[in-house]
């Protein structure tokens, strides 16, 4: 299998485990045997749109927190990224959105979306983290960047910051979180050609995670880099479900990912 090629899993109805037990394919993802193969797992949820008129945004936030906490109890998450559009066009909605997200059991990070209309200074004051941030866990680096300004203008990520961080983490697996797809892959994307010139210098980029497009729940590939979407957990449009994505880094360094919709596993894919 090529390094950056994602393939949908077409599994049989039943699996024979190493211990001789036969289980339904769906149930295999809940077994202790498989959990032992996982080195690190995390979740991504995007587009809550707290404050959007005509939506039940408080319930959406309560529901995603409950779903993520159930997932964390089932098998602990190292962290969750809330990947943009946390609020909807009014910065006064960000503090109550944070109060809701603070009920998450696992550590979480946030990216700024185009509807999160605050300055970088206001963002950091509310969340206690900058609009561009990075952190590491073992041999993995995670870069969380903004893709818009305080007016909601669609932008490419900060290439100077991103380039410096890619160089700093060139010996790690790199995972990037940006709200707006920068590869021109959807009707609501931007096309950042200079970004791909930069990406071409680093073969350790494992995936880029995007929100923004509420109707996108799959994986698109450009220049052998997978761009991975997670639909939405709020807002007034998009997929019929409100869910989140789980990513599991296995002990053999392969990557497995799927959507929770929010209680059933769908759209399984492996790298």
Protein backbone atom coordinates (compact mmCIF):
# COMPACT_ATOMS: atom_id res chain seq x y z
CA UNK A 1 0.00 0.00 0.00
CA UNK A 2 1.34 3.46 -0.88
CA UNK A 3 2.23 5.67 2.04
CA UNK A 4 -0.53 8.23 1.56
CA UNK A 5 -3.22 6.07 0.01
CA UNK A 6 -6.43 5.70 2.02
CA UNK A 7 -8.61 2.72 1.25
CA UNK A 8 -12.13 2.16 2.49
CA UNK A 9 -12.42 -1.03 4.52
CA UNK A 10 -14.84 -3.53 3.00
CA UNK A 11 -14.93 -6.04 5.84
CA UNK A 12 -16.74 -9.36 6.07
CA UNK A 13 -19.71 -9.66 8.36
CA UNK A 14 -17.64 -11.67 10.87
CA UNK A 15 -13.98 -11.80 11.90
CA UNK A 16 -11.94 -14.61 13.42
CA UNK A 17 -9.71 -13.15 16.13
CA UNK A 18 -6.29 -14.48 17.15
CA UNK A 19 -7.80 -16.03 20.26
CA UNK A 20 -10.22 -18.07 18.13
CA UNK A 21 -13.25 -15.97 19.02
CA UNK A 22 -15.60 -15.00 16.21
CA UNK A 23 -17.11 -11.52 16.44
CA UNK A 24 -19.17 -9.26 14.22
CA UNK A 25 -16.94 -6.96 12.18
CA UNK A 26 -18.47 -3.86 13.76
CA UNK A 27 -17.86 -5.20 17.27
CA UNK A 28 -14.17 -5.81 16.54
CA UNK A 29 -13.48 -2.11 17.01
CA UNK A 30 -14.65 -2.40 20.61
CA UNK A 31 -12.50 -5.39 21.62
CA UNK A 32 -9.62 -5.30 24.08
CA UNK A 33 -7.51 -7.20 21.55
CA UNK A 34 -7.65 -4.39 19.04
CA UNK A 35 -7.23 -1.67 21.66
CA UNK A 36 -3.82 -3.13 22.53
CA UNK A 37 -2.66 -2.36 18.98
CA UNK A 38 -3.33 1.37 19.33
CA UNK A 39 -0.46 3.66 20.31
CA UNK A 40 -2.38 6.97 20.25
CA UNK A 41 -5.91 8.08 19.45
CA UNK A 42 -7.51 11.49 19.14
CA UNK A 43 -10.73 13.09 17.88
CA UNK A 44 -11.70 16.02 15.68
CA UNK A 45 -15.03 17.85 15.71
CA UNK A 46 -15.82 21.06 13.86
CA UNK A 47 -18.47 23.64 13.08
CA UNK A 48 -20.58 23.97 16.20
CA UNK A 49 -21.72 27.51 15.29
CA UNK A 50 -22.69 28.52 18.80
CA UNK A 51 -25.19 31.37 18.53
CA UNK A 52 -26.45 30.73 15.00
CA UNK A 53 -30.04 31.94 14.81
CA UNK A 54 -32.62 29.25 14.20
CA UNK A 55 -30.44 26.40 15.48
CA UNK A 56 -30.46 24.56 18.78
CA UNK A 57 -26.79 25.37 19.35
CA UNK A 58 -26.77 24.79 23.11
CA UNK A 59 -28.10 21.27 22.57
CA UNK A 60 -25.56 20.64 19.81
CA UNK A 61 -22.71 21.54 22.14
CA UNK A 62 -24.12 19.48 24.98
CA UNK A 63 -24.58 16.50 22.65
CA UNK A 64 -21.05 16.60 21.21
CA UNK A 65 -19.52 16.91 24.67
CA UNK A 66 -21.53 13.91 25.84
CA UNK A 67 -20.60 11.88 22.75
CA UNK A 68 -16.89 12.69 23.04
CA UNK A 69 -16.91 11.89 26.73
CA UNK A 70 -18.54 8.53 26.01
CA UNK A 71 -15.82 7.83 23.45
CA UNK A 72 -13.15 8.84 25.96
CA UNK A 73 -14.60 6.43 28.52
CA UNK A 74 -14.75 3.61 25.95
CA UNK A 75 -11.07 4.04 25.08
CA UNK A 76 -9.21 7.19 26.20
CA UNK A 77 -8.52 10.00 23.75
CA UNK A 78 -5.19 11.79 24.05
CA UNK A 79 -6.94 15.01 22.99
CA UNK A 80 -9.66 16.50 20.81
CA UNK A 81 -9.33 19.33 18.28
CA UNK A 82 -12.38 21.53 17.77
CA UNK A 83 -11.52 22.57 14.24
CA UNK A 84 -13.07 25.99 13.72
CA UNK A 85 -16.38 27.84 13.52
CA UNK A 86 -16.98 27.35 17.20
CA UNK A 87 -19.14 30.47 17.27
CA UNK A 88 -21.30 32.17 14.65
CA UNK A 89 -20.30 35.73 13.71
CA UNK A 90 -20.48 37.19 17.22
CA UNK A 91 -17.49 37.04 19.55
CA UNK A 92 -19.78 37.27 22.58
CA UNK A 93 -20.76 33.66 21.92
CA UNK A 94 -17.21 32.37 22.35
CA UNK A 95 -17.11 32.46 26.18
CA UNK A 96 -20.31 30.39 26.62
CA UNK A 97 -19.08 28.02 23.91
CA UNK A 98 -15.87 27.60 25.89
CA UNK A 99 -17.86 26.95 29.06
CA UNK A 100 -19.67 24.14 27.24
CA UNK A 101 -16.46 22.65 25.80
CA UNK A 102 -14.73 22.84 29.17
CA UNK A 103 -16.96 19.91 30.17
CA UNK A 104 -14.91 17.64 27.90
CA UNK A 105 -13.10 14.95 29.87
CA UNK A 106 -10.04 14.89 27.59
CA UNK A 107 -7.74 17.79 26.86
CA UNK A 108 -8.85 19.83 23.87
CA UNK A 109 -7.40 22.37 21.45
CA UNK A 110 -9.22 24.82 19.19
CA UNK A 111 -8.63 26.29 15.75
CA UNK A 112 -10.11 29.58 14.59
CA UNK A 113 -12.69 29.44 11.80
CA UNK A 114 -14.06 32.12 9.50
CA UNK A 115 -17.15 32.60 11.68
CA UNK A 116 -14.99 33.08 14.80
CA UNK A 117 -14.65 36.83 14.23
CA UNK A 118 -12.09 37.93 16.80
CA UNK A 119 -8.55 39.23 16.67
CA UNK A 120 -5.65 36.89 17.48
CA UNK A 121 -5.26 38.70 20.80
CA UNK A 122 -8.93 38.22 21.70
CA UNK A 123 -8.75 34.57 20.70
CA UNK A 124 -5.77 33.91 22.94
CA UNK A 125 -7.40 35.80 25.82
CA UNK A 126 -10.50 33.58 25.60
CA UNK A 127 -8.87 30.19 24.95
CA UNK A 128 -5.46 30.55 26.54
CA UNK A 129 -3.80 29.43 23.30
CA UNK A 130 -2.69 31.30 20.14
CA UNK A 131 -4.35 31.05 16.73
CA UNK A 132 -1.30 29.10 15.53
CA UNK A 133 -0.01 26.43 17.90
CA UNK A 134 1.86 23.16 17.93
CA UNK A 135 2.42 20.32 20.38
CA UNK A 136 4.04 16.91 20.33
CA UNK A 137 3.24 13.48 21.70
CA UNK A 138 6.05 11.00 21.27
CA UNK A 139 7.10 10.84 17.62
CA UNK A 140 4.04 12.79 16.48
CA UNK A 141 3.68 16.55 16.02
CA UNK A 142 0.35 18.36 15.74
CA UNK A 143 0.05 21.78 14.08
CA UNK A 144 -3.15 23.80 14.55
CA UNK A 145 -3.42 26.89 12.36
CA UNK A 146 -5.91 29.60 11.48
CA UNK A 147 -7.29 30.21 7.98
CA UNK A 148 -9.18 33.51 8.35
CA UNK A 149 -8.96 36.96 9.93
CA UNK A 150 -11.23 38.77 12.39
CA UNK A 151 -13.54 39.78 9.52
CA UNK A 152 -14.03 36.16 8.43
CA UNK A 153 -12.00 36.53 5.23
CA UNK A 154 -10.89 33.17 3.84
CA UNK A 155 -7.10 32.93 3.90
CA UNK A 156 -4.26 30.51 3.40
CA UNK A 157 -2.51 29.43 6.60
CA UNK A 158 0.50 31.41 7.82
CA UNK A 159 3.22 29.93 5.61
CA UNK A 160 6.09 31.45 7.59
CA UNK A 161 4.84 29.89 10.83
CA UNK A 162 3.94 26.63 9.15
CA UNK A 163 7.30 26.35 7.41
CA UNK A 164 9.18 26.95 10.65
CA UNK A 165 7.15 24.28 12.43
CA UNK A 166 7.49 21.74 9.63
CA UNK A 167 11.25 22.19 9.79
CA UNK A 168 11.24 21.91 13.59
CA UNK A 169 9.27 18.66 13.42
CA UNK A 170 10.83 17.16 10.29
CA UNK A 171 11.76 13.97 12.16
CA UNK A 172 8.23 13.37 13.47
CA UNK A 173 4.93 12.33 11.92
CA UNK A 174 3.06 15.60 11.31
CA UNK A 175 -0.71 16.10 11.49
CA UNK A 176 -2.13 19.50 10.50
CA UNK A 177 -5.49 21.02 11.50
CA UNK A 178 -6.85 23.94 9.42
CA UNK A 179 -10.51 24.91 9.32
CA UNK A 180 -10.77 25.81 5.63
CA UNK A 181 -9.54 23.33 3.03
CA UNK A 182 -6.46 24.96 1.42
CA UNK A 183 -6.33 22.69 -1.63
CA UNK A 184 -9.30 23.92 -3.69
CA UNK A 185 -11.10 20.64 -3.16
CA UNK A 186 -14.60 21.90 -2.31
CA UNK A 187 -16.88 24.75 -3.30
CA UNK A 188 -15.97 26.56 -0.09
CA UNK A 189 -12.21 25.99 -0.19
CA UNK A 190 -9.25 28.21 -0.99
CA UNK A 191 -6.39 27.19 -3.27
CA UNK A 192 -2.98 27.82 -1.70
CA UNK A 193 -0.42 26.86 -4.33
CA UNK A 194 2.51 28.14 -2.24
CA UNK A 195 1.42 25.79 0.51
CA UNK A 196 2.02 22.82 -1.77
CA UNK A 197 5.45 24.11 -2.69
CA UNK A 198 6.18 24.07 1.04
CA UNK A 199 4.56 20.67 1.60
CA UNK A 200 6.70 19.22 -1.18
CA UNK A 201 9.77 19.61 1.04
CA UNK A 202 8.36 17.38 3.80
CA UNK A 203 7.42 13.76 3.27
CA UNK A 204 6.42 13.27 6.91
CA UNK A 205 3.04 15.04 6.63
CA UNK A 206 0.58 12.27 7.43
CA UNK A 207 -2.71 14.16 7.06
CA UNK A 208 -4.43 17.54 6.98
CA UNK A 209 -7.77 17.83 8.79
CA UNK A 210 -10.39 20.33 7.58
CA UNK A 211 -13.79 21.46 8.80
CA UNK A 212 -15.84 24.25 7.19
CA UNK A 213 -17.67 22.07 4.65
CA UNK A 214 -20.50 20.59 6.71
CA UNK A 215 -21.45 18.17 3.96
CA UNK A 216 -17.97 16.67 3.59
CA UNK A 217 -17.32 13.50 5.59
CA UNK A 218 -14.65 11.74 3.57
CA UNK A 219 -11.03 11.91 2.42
CA UNK A 220 -9.61 13.72 -0.61
CA UNK A 221 -6.00 13.40 -1.79
CA UNK A 222 -3.72 15.93 -3.46
CA UNK A 223 0.01 15.46 -4.01
CA UNK A 224 -0.22 12.23 -1.97
CA UNK A 225 -1.44 14.17 1.08
CA UNK A 226 -4.85 13.14 2.46
CA UNK A 227 -7.22 15.97 3.39
CA UNK A 228 -9.72 14.59 5.86
CA UNK A 229 -13.15 16.04 6.70
CA UNK A 230 -15.43 15.42 9.68
CA UNK A 231 -18.79 16.98 8.64
CA UNK A 232 -20.17 19.09 11.53
CA UNK A 233 -21.62 18.97 15.03
CA UNK A 234 -23.80 22.09 14.75
CA UNK A 235 -24.98 24.70 12.30
CA UNK A 236 -27.94 24.91 9.98
CA UNK A 237 -26.78 22.70 7.09
CA UNK A 238 -24.71 19.65 6.24
CA UNK A 239 -24.87 15.90 6.77
CA UNK A 240 -27.97 14.44 8.38
CA UNK A 241 -25.99 13.53 11.52
CA UNK A 242 -23.92 15.61 13.93
CA UNK A 243 -20.72 13.74 14.65
CA UNK A 244 -16.96 13.71 14.95
CA UNK A 245 -13.92 11.86 13.62
CA UNK A 246 -11.59 9.50 15.49
CA UNK A 247 -7.98 8.90 14.43
CA UNK A 248 -5.96 5.97 15.75
CA UNK A 249 -2.20 5.66 15.29
CA UNK A 250 -1.31 2.00 15.52
CA UNK A 251 1.83 0.39 16.92
CA UNK A 252 2.95 -0.51 13.38
CA UNK A 253 2.71 3.24 12.52
CA UNK A 254 -0.31 2.74 10.29
CA UNK A 255 -3.26 5.06 10.79
CA UNK A 256 -6.91 4.15 11.06
CA UNK A 257 -9.74 6.70 11.03
CA UNK A 258 -13.51 6.72 11.08
CA UNK A 259 -16.51 8.95 11.72
CA UNK A 260 -18.77 8.59 14.76
CA UNK A 261 -22.25 9.73 13.76
CA UNK A 262 -22.13 10.09 16.84
CA UNK A 263 -22.83 6.58 18.19
CA UNK A 264 -22.16 4.36 15.17
CA UNK A 265 -18.83 3.88 13.39
CA UNK A 266 -19.04 4.85 9.70
CA UNK A 267 -16.65 5.73 6.87
CA UNK A 268 -13.75 3.56 8.08
CA UNK A 269 -10.46 4.11 6.26
CA UNK A 270 -6.84 3.09 6.78
CA UNK A 271 -3.47 4.54 5.77
